[in-house]
Protein backbone atom coordinates (compact mmCIF):
# COMPACT_ATOMS: atom_id res chain seq x y z
CA MET A 1 -38.68 -70.50 -28.61
CA PRO A 2 -35.93 -71.36 -25.58
CA GLY A 3 -37.73 -71.22 -22.07
CA ARG A 4 -37.30 -68.09 -19.90
CA SER A 5 -35.13 -68.64 -16.76
CA PRO A 6 -36.97 -68.24 -13.56
CA CYS A 7 -34.00 -66.23 -12.38
CA SER A 8 -33.77 -63.75 -15.16
CA GLY A 9 -36.70 -61.41 -13.76
CA PHE A 10 -34.57 -61.41 -10.34
CA SER A 11 -31.35 -60.78 -12.31
CA ASN A 12 -32.87 -57.46 -14.03
CA TYR A 13 -34.35 -56.07 -10.91
CA ALA A 14 -31.08 -56.37 -9.30
CA ILE A 15 -29.26 -54.79 -11.82
CA LEU A 16 -31.59 -51.83 -12.05
CA ALA A 17 -31.57 -51.57 -8.18
CA LEU A 18 -27.46 -51.64 -8.41
CA VAL A 19 -27.55 -48.69 -10.96
CA ALA A 20 -30.33 -46.79 -8.91
CA SER A 21 -28.19 -46.91 -5.89
CA ALA A 22 -25.00 -46.21 -7.64
CA PRO A 23 -23.29 -42.70 -6.97
CA THR A 24 -24.25 -39.87 -9.58
CA ALA A 25 -21.52 -38.88 -11.84
CA VAL A 26 -20.02 -35.81 -11.25
CA LYS A 27 -19.67 -33.38 -14.54
CA PRO A 28 -16.27 -32.00 -15.23
CA GLY A 29 -17.35 -28.82 -14.47
CA ASP A 30 -18.90 -29.60 -10.80
CA LYS A 31 -15.66 -31.22 -10.22
CA LEU A 32 -13.69 -28.44 -11.27
CA THR A 33 -16.02 -25.95 -9.38
CA GLN A 34 -15.25 -28.38 -6.23
CA THR A 35 -11.68 -28.15 -6.64
CA ALA A 36 -11.62 -24.15 -7.28
CA LYS A 37 -13.42 -23.54 -4.02
CA LYS A 38 -11.04 -25.29 -2.16
CA LYS A 39 -8.22 -23.31 -3.25
CA MET A 40 -7.39 -19.64 -2.38
CA SER A 41 -8.29 -16.91 -4.99
CA TYR A 42 -5.40 -15.65 -7.25
CA GLY A 43 -6.38 -12.43 -6.09
CA TRP A 44 -5.29 -12.93 -2.64
CA TRP A 45 -2.02 -14.28 -3.89
CA ILE A 46 -1.57 -10.89 -5.72
CA ALA A 47 -2.33 -9.11 -2.57
CA ILE A 48 0.38 -11.11 -0.87
CA LEU A 49 2.89 -10.14 -3.69
CA ALA A 50 1.96 -6.34 -3.04
CA PHE A 51 2.62 -6.89 0.60
CA VAL A 52 6.08 -8.33 0.06
CA LEU A 53 7.07 -5.60 -2.47
CA GLY A 54 5.59 -2.83 -0.15
CA ALA A 55 7.49 -4.53 2.94
CA TYR A 56 10.92 -4.36 0.70
CA GLY A 57 10.43 -0.42 -0.02
CA GLY A 58 9.31 0.51 3.27
CA ALA A 59 12.49 -1.45 4.62
CA THR A 60 14.88 -0.02 2.50
CA ILE A 61 13.70 2.90 0.57
CA TRP A 62 11.88 4.90 3.45
CA HIS A 63 12.04 3.56 7.05
CA SER A 64 15.86 2.79 6.99
CA PHE A 65 16.76 6.39 5.86
CA THR A 66 17.67 7.45 9.12
CA ALA A 67 20.01 4.87 9.79
CA PHE A 68 22.28 5.95 7.03
CA PHE A 69 23.40 9.23 8.55
CA ALA A 70 25.86 8.12 11.12
CA PRO A 71 27.74 6.07 8.35
CA LEU A 72 27.61 8.70 5.67
CA THR A 73 28.90 11.47 8.03
CA GLU A 74 31.58 9.28 9.18
CA GLU A 75 32.85 8.45 6.08
CA PHE A 76 32.39 11.83 4.25
CA ALA A 77 31.65 14.23 7.26
CA TRP A 78 28.51 15.70 5.24
CA SER A 79 26.18 17.66 7.08
CA TYR A 80 22.74 16.22 8.15
CA THR A 81 21.13 18.90 6.12
CA ALA A 82 22.96 17.67 3.22
CA ILE A 83 21.85 13.94 3.70
CA SER A 84 18.54 15.10 4.48
CA LEU A 85 17.81 17.00 1.28
CA ALA A 86 18.11 13.54 -0.38
CA ALA A 87 15.01 12.49 1.64
CA SER A 88 13.06 15.87 0.22
CA LEU A 89 14.11 15.07 -2.95
CA ARG A 90 12.80 11.58 -2.84
CA GLY A 91 9.15 13.14 -1.47
CA ALA A 92 9.04 15.90 -4.30
CA GLU A 93 9.98 13.52 -6.84
CA PHE A 94 7.57 10.63 -5.43
CA GLY A 95 4.91 13.29 -6.05
CA ILE A 96 5.83 14.08 -9.48
CA MET A 97 6.33 10.39 -10.53
CA ASP A 98 3.06 9.21 -8.88
CA LEU A 99 1.35 11.68 -11.61
CA VAL A 100 3.18 10.15 -14.60
CA VAL A 101 2.86 6.57 -13.30
CA GLY A 102 -0.85 7.14 -12.55
CA PHE A 103 -1.45 7.49 -16.73
CA LEU A 104 1.20 4.73 -17.43
CA VAL A 105 -0.89 1.90 -15.44
CA ASP A 106 -4.37 3.02 -17.76
CA ARG A 107 -2.14 2.45 -20.50
CA PHE A 108 0.43 -0.19 -20.53
CA SER A 109 0.78 -3.71 -18.64
CA ILE A 110 1.47 -3.46 -14.73
CA ARG A 111 3.75 -6.49 -14.88
CA ARG A 112 5.95 -4.32 -17.16
CA ILE A 113 6.06 -1.58 -15.14
CA ILE A 114 6.86 -3.45 -12.09
CA LEU A 115 9.65 -5.03 -13.71
CA SER A 116 10.80 -1.88 -14.96
CA GLY A 117 10.81 -0.03 -12.05
CA SER A 118 12.43 -2.75 -9.84
CA ILE A 119 15.41 -2.91 -12.39
CA LEU A 120 15.55 1.06 -12.00
CA VAL A 121 15.87 0.53 -7.98
CA THR A 122 18.55 -2.09 -8.45
CA ILE A 123 20.59 0.32 -10.79
CA GLY A 124 20.32 2.82 -8.32
CA TRP A 125 21.26 0.88 -5.31
CA LEU A 126 24.50 -0.64 -7.24
CA ILE A 127 25.56 3.13 -8.02
CA LEU A 128 25.16 4.08 -4.39
CA SER A 129 27.34 1.18 -3.35
CA HIS A 130 30.21 3.24 -5.10
CA VAL A 131 29.28 6.68 -3.76
CA ASN A 132 32.14 9.03 -3.29
CA SER A 133 30.54 12.51 -3.94
CA LEU A 134 27.14 14.23 -3.09
CA GLY A 135 26.33 14.33 -6.65
CA ILE A 136 26.33 10.64 -7.08
CA PHE A 137 24.37 10.42 -3.74
CA TYR A 138 21.55 12.68 -5.04
CA THR A 139 21.71 11.11 -8.38
CA SER A 140 21.40 7.32 -6.92
CA PHE A 141 18.62 8.25 -4.69
CA PHE A 142 16.72 10.00 -8.06
CA ILE A 143 17.05 6.69 -10.07
CA ILE A 144 15.84 4.94 -6.91
CA SER A 145 12.84 7.18 -6.41
CA THR A 146 11.98 7.00 -9.91
CA GLY A 147 12.01 3.08 -10.09
CA ALA A 148 10.19 2.95 -6.75
CA SER A 149 7.24 4.68 -8.13
CA GLY A 150 6.81 1.55 -10.18
CA ILE A 151 6.69 -0.80 -7.52
CA SER A 152 4.54 1.04 -4.80
CA GLY A 153 1.30 2.91 -4.44
CA VAL A 154 -0.36 3.88 -7.57
CA VAL A 155 0.69 0.86 -9.46
CA LEU A 156 -0.36 -1.76 -6.71
CA THR A 157 -3.13 0.08 -5.62
CA THR A 158 -4.55 0.07 -9.01
CA LEU A 159 -3.71 -3.35 -9.56
CA LEU A 160 -5.80 -4.27 -6.58
CA THR A 161 -8.74 -2.44 -7.26
CA ARG A 162 -8.98 -4.42 -10.62
CA TRP A 163 -8.84 -7.93 -8.71
CA PHE A 164 -11.39 -6.75 -5.51
CA LYS A 165 -14.89 -5.51 -4.91
CA LYS A 166 -16.44 -6.46 -1.75
CA ARG A 167 -13.07 -7.05 0.00
CA LEU A 168 -10.92 -4.26 -1.54
CA GLY A 169 -10.67 -2.66 1.87
CA LEU A 170 -9.10 -5.84 3.40
CA ALA A 171 -6.99 -6.36 0.42
CA LEU A 172 -5.68 -2.64 0.51
CA GLY A 173 -4.92 -2.94 4.32
CA LEU A 174 -2.88 -6.08 3.57
CA PHE A 175 -0.85 -4.21 1.05
CA THR A 176 -0.32 -0.82 2.97
CA SER A 177 0.75 -3.07 6.05
CA GLY A 178 3.89 -4.23 4.01
CA PHE A 179 5.30 -0.82 3.95
CA ALA A 180 4.53 -0.49 7.74
CA ALA A 181 6.08 -3.93 8.40
CA GLY A 182 9.17 -2.70 6.66
CA GLY A 183 9.89 -0.85 9.82
CA PHE A 184 10.47 -4.15 11.64
CA ALA A 185 13.71 -4.68 9.33
CA VAL A 186 15.27 -1.26 10.76
CA PRO A 187 17.29 -2.78 13.71
CA GLY A 188 18.62 -5.38 11.72
CA ILE A 189 19.68 -3.03 9.05
CA VAL A 190 21.48 -1.02 11.66
CA SER A 191 23.36 -4.30 12.60
CA LEU A 192 24.42 -4.87 9.00
CA LEU A 193 25.55 -1.20 8.24
CA SER A 194 28.00 -1.93 11.67
CA MET A 195 28.96 -5.23 10.29
CA ILE A 196 29.89 -5.02 6.66
CA GLY A 197 29.45 -1.46 6.03
CA PHE A 198 27.20 0.65 4.05
CA ARG A 199 28.43 0.12 0.66
CA SER A 200 27.64 -3.95 1.17
CA VAL A 201 24.40 -3.27 2.60
CA PHE A 202 23.45 -0.92 -0.74
CA LEU A 203 24.50 -4.05 -2.84
CA ILE A 204 22.26 -6.32 -0.90
CA PHE A 205 19.50 -3.74 -1.33
CA GLY A 206 19.90 -3.86 -5.19
CA VAL A 207 20.18 -7.62 -5.68
CA ALA A 208 17.09 -7.88 -3.55
CA ALA A 209 15.16 -5.31 -5.41
CA PHE A 210 16.05 -7.37 -8.37
CA ILE A 211 15.05 -10.66 -7.12
CA ILE A 212 11.68 -9.53 -5.44
CA GLY A 213 10.66 -7.42 -8.24
CA GLY A 214 11.12 -9.82 -10.78
CA ILE A 215 9.39 -12.74 -8.93
CA VAL A 216 6.44 -10.25 -8.28
CA ALA A 217 6.57 -9.25 -11.99
CA TYR A 218 6.37 -12.93 -13.21
CA PHE A 219 3.54 -13.83 -11.03
CA VAL A 220 1.27 -10.72 -11.32
CA ARG A 221 -1.72 -10.64 -13.71
CA ASP A 222 -3.10 -7.11 -14.76
CA TRP A 223 -6.81 -8.59 -14.73
CA PRO A 224 -8.65 -11.66 -13.37
CA LYS A 225 -9.27 -12.42 -16.82
CA ASP A 226 -5.70 -13.04 -17.80
CA ILE A 227 -5.17 -16.04 -15.93
CA VAL A 228 -8.04 -18.13 -17.57
CA PRO A 229 -7.29 -19.66 -20.66
CA ARG A 230 -9.47 -19.07 -23.69
CA PRO A 231 -9.31 -21.70 -26.22
CA ASP A 232 -12.53 -20.24 -27.82
CA ALA A 233 -14.25 -16.82 -27.78
CA SER A 234 -16.87 -18.50 -25.57
CA THR A 235 -14.63 -18.67 -22.49
CA VAL A 236 -15.18 -15.38 -20.82
CA HIS A 237 -14.91 -15.92 -17.19
CA SER A 238 -13.24 -13.94 -14.64
CA GLY A 239 -10.21 -15.16 -12.43
CA GLU A 240 -12.09 -16.56 -9.57
CA GLN A 241 -14.76 -18.48 -12.07
CA THR A 242 -14.13 -21.83 -13.38
CA PRO A 243 -15.83 -23.59 -16.51
CA GLY A 244 -19.40 -24.42 -15.78
CA GLN A 245 -19.92 -21.64 -13.69
CA VAL A 246 -22.27 -18.66 -14.32
CA LYS A 247 -20.49 -16.26 -15.99
CA VAL A 248 -19.43 -13.07 -14.02
CA ALA A 249 -18.90 -9.81 -15.54
CA ASP A 250 -14.99 -8.83 -15.97
CA PRO A 251 -13.98 -5.65 -14.93
CA GLY A 252 -11.61 -5.62 -17.89
CA ASP A 253 -14.24 -6.04 -20.27
CA THR A 254 -16.43 -3.08 -20.15
CA ALA A 255 -16.41 -0.14 -17.78
CA PRO A 256 -19.43 0.02 -15.38
CA PRO A 257 -21.64 3.15 -16.09
CA SER A 258 -20.43 4.64 -12.74
CA ASP A 259 -16.78 4.79 -13.85
CA TYR A 260 -15.69 8.80 -14.31
CA THR A 261 -13.00 9.91 -17.09
CA PHE A 262 -10.13 11.83 -15.54
CA SER A 263 -11.58 15.19 -16.53
CA LYS A 264 -14.92 14.34 -14.87
CA ALA A 265 -13.46 13.17 -11.81
CA LEU A 266 -11.55 16.63 -11.27
CA ALA A 267 -14.67 18.33 -11.87
CA LYS A 268 -16.43 16.55 -8.86
CA PRO A 269 -15.92 18.37 -5.19
CA ALA A 270 -15.58 14.85 -4.01
CA PHE A 271 -12.21 14.42 -5.49
CA TRP A 272 -10.83 17.50 -4.07
CA ILE A 273 -12.22 17.00 -0.69
CA ILE A 274 -10.74 13.45 -0.43
CA THR A 275 -7.21 15.03 -1.71
CA TYR A 276 -7.29 17.79 0.92
CA ALA A 277 -8.10 15.32 3.78
CA CYS A 278 -5.56 13.14 2.93
CA THR A 279 -2.90 15.93 2.22
CA ALA A 280 -3.49 17.00 6.03
CA SER A 281 -3.32 13.63 6.97
CA ILE A 282 0.10 12.86 5.65
CA PHE A 283 1.28 16.39 6.33
CA THR A 284 0.51 15.67 10.01
CA ALA A 285 2.07 12.08 9.85
CA MET A 286 5.25 13.02 8.16
CA MET A 287 5.51 16.00 10.59
CA VAL A 288 4.91 13.51 13.67
CA THR A 289 7.22 10.64 12.51
CA THR A 290 9.97 12.93 11.31
CA HIS A 291 10.46 15.05 14.49
CA ILE A 292 9.13 12.95 17.18
CA MET A 293 12.39 11.77 18.68
CA PRO A 294 13.59 15.47 18.93
CA TYR A 295 10.32 16.60 20.53
CA LEU A 296 10.36 13.72 23.26
CA GLU A 297 14.14 14.52 23.69
CA HIS A 298 13.02 17.93 24.00
CA LEU A 299 10.45 16.94 26.84
CA GLU A 300 13.68 15.33 28.59
CA TYR A 301 12.72 11.57 27.47
CA SER A 302 15.65 9.30 26.98
CA ARG A 303 16.81 8.41 23.53
CA GLN A 304 15.77 4.79 24.05
CA THR A 305 12.29 5.90 24.89
CA ALA A 306 11.94 8.08 22.18
CA SER A 307 13.09 5.87 19.70
CA LEU A 308 10.46 3.16 20.92
CA VAL A 309 7.75 5.31 20.36
CA ALA A 310 9.08 6.10 16.88
CA MET A 311 9.18 2.59 15.99
CA MET A 312 5.54 2.09 17.62
CA ILE A 313 3.88 4.27 15.49
CA PRO A 314 4.36 2.59 12.04
CA ALA A 315 4.24 -0.75 13.83
CA ILE A 316 0.70 -0.09 15.10
CA SER A 317 -0.29 1.41 12.01
CA ILE A 318 -0.79 -2.22 10.73
CA THR A 319 -3.60 -2.53 13.18
CA GLY A 320 -5.33 0.65 11.57
CA ARG A 321 -4.52 -0.38 7.94
CA LEU A 322 -5.99 -3.99 8.20
CA GLY A 323 -9.18 -2.66 10.53
CA ALA A 324 -9.94 0.24 8.65
CA GLY A 325 -10.03 -1.35 5.19
CA TRP A 326 -12.05 -4.35 6.60
CA ILE A 327 -14.68 -2.41 8.38
CA SER A 328 -15.09 -0.03 5.26
CA ASP A 329 -15.95 -3.20 3.39
CA LYS A 330 -19.01 -3.30 5.89
CA VAL A 331 -19.98 0.19 6.53
CA GLY A 332 -18.48 2.07 3.73
CA HIS A 333 -15.56 4.53 3.63
CA ARG A 334 -17.07 7.99 4.47
CA ARG A 335 -17.80 7.07 7.98
CA VAL A 336 -14.45 5.33 8.76
CA LEU A 337 -12.68 8.12 7.19
CA VAL A 338 -14.26 10.63 9.16
CA LEU A 339 -13.61 8.55 12.24
CA ALA A 340 -9.80 8.16 11.47
CA LEU A 341 -9.41 11.70 10.92
CA SER A 342 -10.89 12.42 14.20
CA GLY A 343 -8.62 10.03 15.79
CA GLN A 344 -5.86 11.71 14.01
CA LEU A 345 -6.75 14.94 15.47
CA VAL A 346 -7.16 13.69 19.02
CA GLY A 347 -3.57 12.40 18.74
CA VAL A 348 -1.98 15.48 17.57
CA VAL A 349 -3.87 17.16 20.81
CA LEU A 350 -2.47 14.51 23.01
CA LEU A 351 0.80 15.02 21.62
CA LEU A 352 0.85 18.83 23.22
CA TYR A 353 0.39 16.90 26.64
CA SER A 354 2.63 14.25 26.19
CA SER A 355 5.11 15.08 29.01
CA GLN A 356 3.08 12.33 31.10
CA PHE A 357 4.20 8.97 30.02
CA PHE A 358 0.65 7.53 30.14
CA ILE A 359 -0.69 10.09 27.77
CA LEU A 360 2.33 9.48 25.34
CA VAL A 361 1.30 5.81 25.22
CA VAL A 362 -2.02 6.46 24.50
CA PHE A 363 -1.11 9.02 21.81
CA ALA A 364 1.20 6.41 20.21
CA ILE A 365 -1.20 3.86 20.12
CA LEU A 366 -4.29 6.29 18.74
CA PHE A 367 -2.03 8.03 16.21
CA GLY A 368 -0.68 5.12 14.86
CA VAL A 369 -4.12 3.26 14.18
CA THR A 370 -5.62 6.17 12.90
CA TRP A 371 -2.99 7.34 10.47
CA GLY A 372 -2.71 3.57 8.90
CA GLY A 373 -6.39 4.08 8.49
CA VAL A 374 -6.36 7.14 6.47
CA ALA A 375 -3.61 5.54 4.21
CA VAL A 376 -5.80 2.85 3.28
CA LEU A 377 -9.08 4.81 3.13
CA ARG A 378 -7.82 7.12 0.47
CA SER A 379 -7.77 4.70 -2.19
CA ILE A 380 -11.23 3.18 -1.36
CA ALA A 381 -12.72 6.38 -1.16
CA LEU A 382 -11.42 7.48 -5.01
CA ARG A 383 -12.48 3.63 -6.29
CA ASN A 384 -16.05 3.78 -4.80
CA CYS A 385 -16.65 7.39 -6.26
CA PHE A 386 -14.58 7.04 -9.24
CA GLY A 387 -14.74 3.49 -10.33
CA THR A 388 -11.81 1.65 -12.04
CA THR A 389 -11.28 2.67 -15.53
CA HIS A 390 -9.09 5.57 -14.96
CA PHE A 391 -8.18 5.06 -11.46
CA GLY A 392 -4.54 4.94 -11.83
CA SER A 393 -4.77 8.82 -13.21
CA ILE A 394 -7.09 9.95 -10.67
CA LEU A 395 -5.14 8.17 -7.94
CA GLY A 396 -1.85 9.44 -9.32
CA LEU A 397 -3.06 13.06 -9.18
CA CYS A 398 -4.07 12.77 -5.85
CA MET A 399 -0.88 11.25 -4.49
CA GLY A 400 1.14 13.62 -6.57
CA LEU A 401 -0.84 16.48 -4.57
CA THR A 402 -0.76 14.92 -1.18
CA MET A 403 3.30 14.78 -1.47
CA VAL A 404 3.02 18.69 -0.78
CA GLY A 405 2.12 17.61 2.76
CA THR A 406 4.94 14.52 2.46
CA VAL A 407 7.65 17.48 1.83
CA GLY A 408 6.01 20.54 3.60
CA GLY A 409 5.26 19.07 7.05
CA PRO A 410 8.63 18.16 8.33
CA LEU A 411 10.36 21.23 6.91
CA LEU A 412 7.33 23.44 8.31
CA ALA A 413 7.91 21.69 12.04
CA GLY A 414 11.76 21.96 11.79
CA TRP A 415 11.66 25.74 11.04
CA ILE A 416 9.07 26.45 13.77
CA PHE A 417 11.27 24.90 16.20
CA ASP A 418 14.45 26.83 14.93
CA THR A 419 12.38 29.82 15.17
CA THR A 420 10.38 29.41 18.40
CA GLY A 421 12.21 26.80 20.23
CA SER A 422 9.11 24.61 20.85
CA TYR A 423 7.03 22.21 18.49
CA SER A 424 3.62 23.38 19.78
CA LEU A 425 2.72 25.71 17.11
CA ALA A 426 3.61 23.03 14.61
CA TRP A 427 1.02 20.57 16.25
CA VAL A 428 -1.33 23.23 16.40
CA ILE A 429 -1.10 23.95 12.73
CA ALA A 430 -1.58 20.13 12.26
CA GLY A 431 -4.63 20.04 14.17
CA ILE A 432 -6.48 23.06 12.51
CA LEU A 433 -5.64 21.20 9.05
CA LEU A 434 -7.18 17.79 10.15
CA LEU A 435 -10.36 19.93 11.81
CA THR A 436 -10.98 21.37 8.88
CA GLY A 437 -11.01 18.34 6.80
CA ILE A 438 -13.16 16.39 8.99
CA PRO A 439 -16.94 18.26 8.09
CA LEU A 440 -15.71 18.21 4.33
CA VAL A 441 -15.48 14.26 3.88
CA ALA A 442 -18.45 14.12 6.30
CA MET A 443 -20.58 15.83 3.38
CA THR A 444 -19.14 14.30 0.50
CA LYS A 445 -21.73 12.04 -1.59
């Protein structure tokens, strides 16, 4: 038997020491987990896409409408009443379509709804670029409004409620801030109208709708589970999970026990209280934002000052949309909604005394913040009360009913001014509606 080398024992111990000191091998699952932690959740990408789509709708379909009056009257000699009717029809149709779309999102792919909506909006703008009569003008806005229902409120809000739980308020605040941010595009749109004419601007709107809507539809996913490849039945992680992590319940797999059906939600007082409070808020907001310039000019403010205040309100509402959503994630929606409605009420009271510039500034800040907050809190309140399974249908009915405020607020304020020569009664009525809703919301469970 050969003799044993005296160094062999030392070599064995050295090898064992090297092996013990070597870094522990990283398992594939652990590596994926570490990589996933460094990446932003896909849900936030969806929130950003919703922001972009909301900004497009806010800039082209809603906020820029006031800029169409001058070029259309110069071209066709239409009255302001005839042009304004398109805006009223737009509001009424949105209310009806929200009911329809609410049921569709609970039954069909949101990606297809967004794509279909963007195509309809594109067609509407292209037809409007060739407008030569009031009939075509109204028809175009009918098509645009129909398509816009598929790329706005109910659809995108329902999508975000599926992707977010703990940070839903912040996500909805980001999305609705896009709508408000669209107001910043109005000065640029006014410049384009003077440079290239309204027909070319409408054509640009149509092309933009097709491109933006197509991109959003391509990247959006209906549920978190849709972004995870499932080679076999055992892979059932949600969109924010990676292989190797503990399984987390997917909202698309089973409905939580607390979820309500559409009919059961309607049987609860909470639904009607939330709907009433939000209708009062929207009634007041549309009344104020539509008539703020003529009201301030009636108080002998300059047109430039009045236009600045009109721009400040939606711009400042971004703060309320983000802030209210973030705070509601921490303390619950009910307290924040009560505070937002109360702030909006104080803002309307200040409007009665806004002949003083300092009070006018305080009004613009307070009203903008609180109005933006209510816009976000409606969806959060409904989701918290009734769950996500039938959320689209429930939100669609709520938004459809609140459109009564969208249409009625501006019309009532205009009629009161034509009748009395003052807006004071309009602000008082708005204040009473808000005041009635505050204790009701405070008592909801």
